[in-house]
Amino acid sequence: MSLKQTMESALKTLAAATPKPAQEALRSQLVSAGIPASTLEVSASKTPTGLDADAIEAAAKLDKDCVLGEIRDGQVSVSVLPVLDSGKCFVGDSR
């Protein structure tokens, strides 16, 4: 199974159980699916004021590509984009 397929399957499983998962739940699901934690970036599930984020995203780096997955209102989308010049998949703070 490709990294994109693994990410999509893991996100769909999580979204079916929790349409708005927390950051650590998303990270845990992806690591459990076999994606190395060292390659993961996960966006915040809460805004700085404590509200639920509209969507939560995760990215896993594979060579020169980033496999990005998003859960928004229980719906999953996955895409593949190039790694940023910084060597990361996200701009800004991610854990």
Protein backbone atom coordinates (compact mmCIF):
# COMPACT_ATOMS: atom_id res chain seq x y z
CA MET A 1 0.00 0.00 0.00
CA SER A 2 1.36 3.44 -0.88
CA LEU A 3 1.80 6.20 1.69
CA LYS A 4 -1.12 8.07 0.11
CA GLN A 5 -3.38 5.02 0.43
CA THR A 6 -2.24 4.39 4.00
CA MET A 7 -2.93 8.01 4.98
CA GLU A 8 -6.35 8.00 3.29
CA SER A 9 -7.39 4.73 4.93
CA ALA A 10 -6.24 5.84 8.39
CA LEU A 11 -7.97 9.22 8.09
CA LYS A 12 -11.24 7.68 6.88
CA THR A 13 -11.23 5.26 9.83
CA LEU A 14 -10.63 8.10 12.28
CA ALA A 15 -13.14 10.48 10.64
CA ALA A 16 -15.85 7.80 10.74
CA ALA A 17 -15.45 7.56 14.51
CA THR A 18 -14.64 11.23 15.20
CA PRO A 19 -15.54 13.86 12.57
CA LYS A 20 -13.40 16.48 14.39
CA PRO A 21 -10.46 14.57 15.90
CA ALA A 22 -7.91 16.10 18.26
CA GLN A 23 -4.31 16.61 17.17
CA GLU A 24 -2.92 13.72 19.23
CA ALA A 25 -5.69 11.35 18.11
CA LEU A 26 -4.79 12.06 14.50
CA ARG A 27 -1.08 11.58 15.13
CA SER A 28 -1.72 8.33 17.01
CA GLN A 29 -3.95 6.96 14.23
CA LEU A 30 -1.32 7.63 11.58
CA VAL A 31 1.52 6.14 13.63
CA SER A 32 -0.65 3.07 14.33
CA ALA A 33 -1.16 2.75 10.56
CA GLY A 34 2.61 2.47 10.15
CA ILE A 35 3.60 6.03 9.26
CA PRO A 36 6.80 6.91 11.16
CA ALA A 37 6.25 9.66 13.73
CA SER A 38 9.49 11.33 12.63
CA THR A 39 7.97 12.06 9.19
CA LEU A 40 4.67 13.49 10.50
CA GLU A 41 3.49 17.06 10.85
CA VAL A 42 0.01 17.59 12.32
CA SER A 43 -1.88 20.87 12.49
CA ALA A 44 -3.56 22.16 15.63
CA SER A 45 -7.07 20.95 16.35
CA LYS A 46 -7.87 24.04 18.44
CA THR A 47 -7.48 27.73 17.64
CA PRO A 48 -5.40 29.95 19.94
CA THR A 49 -8.68 31.02 21.60
CA GLY A 50 -9.70 27.40 22.31
CA LEU A 51 -12.26 26.89 19.56
CA ASP A 52 -12.33 23.76 17.38
CA ALA A 53 -10.40 24.26 14.15
CA ASP A 54 -12.49 24.03 10.96
CA ALA A 55 -10.20 21.26 9.71
CA ILE A 56 -7.22 19.27 10.90
CA GLU A 57 -4.40 18.34 8.58
CA ALA A 58 -1.50 15.94 8.65
CA ALA A 59 1.46 15.56 6.36
CA ALA A 60 4.04 12.84 5.98
CA LYS A 61 7.25 13.49 4.10
CA LEU A 62 8.49 10.90 1.65
CA ASP A 63 11.62 11.86 -0.29
CA LYS A 64 10.73 15.07 -2.18
CA ASP A 65 6.97 14.72 -1.67
CA CYS A 66 4.55 15.49 1.11
CA VAL A 67 1.41 13.41 1.41
CA LEU A 68 -1.15 15.77 2.93
CA GLY A 69 -4.40 14.61 4.45
CA GLU A 70 -7.27 16.69 5.79
CA ILE A 71 -10.36 15.94 7.84
CA ARG A 72 -13.06 18.60 7.57
CA ASP A 73 -16.49 17.85 9.04
CA GLY A 74 -15.86 14.11 8.76
CA GLN A 75 -14.80 14.29 5.10
CA VAL A 76 -11.29 13.20 4.08
CA SER A 77 -9.14 14.53 1.28
CA VAL A 78 -5.56 13.50 0.48
CA SER A 79 -3.11 15.03 -1.98
CA VAL A 80 0.58 14.87 -2.82
CA LEU A 81 2.58 18.10 -3.03
CA PRO A 82 6.30 18.91 -3.22
CA VAL A 83 8.31 19.44 -0.04
CA LEU A 84 8.78 23.13 0.79
CA ASP A 85 12.20 24.80 0.51
CA SER A 86 12.39 24.59 4.32
CA GLY A 87 12.39 20.79 4.03
CA LYS A 88 9.00 20.60 5.72
CA CYS A 89 5.45 20.10 4.52
CA PHE A 90 3.78 22.85 6.56
CA VAL A 91 4.54 26.53 6.94
CA GLY A 92 4.62 27.59 10.58
CA ASP A 93 4.22 25.68 13.81
CA SER A 94 3.23 22.04 13.71
CA ARG A 95 3.90 19.21 16.11
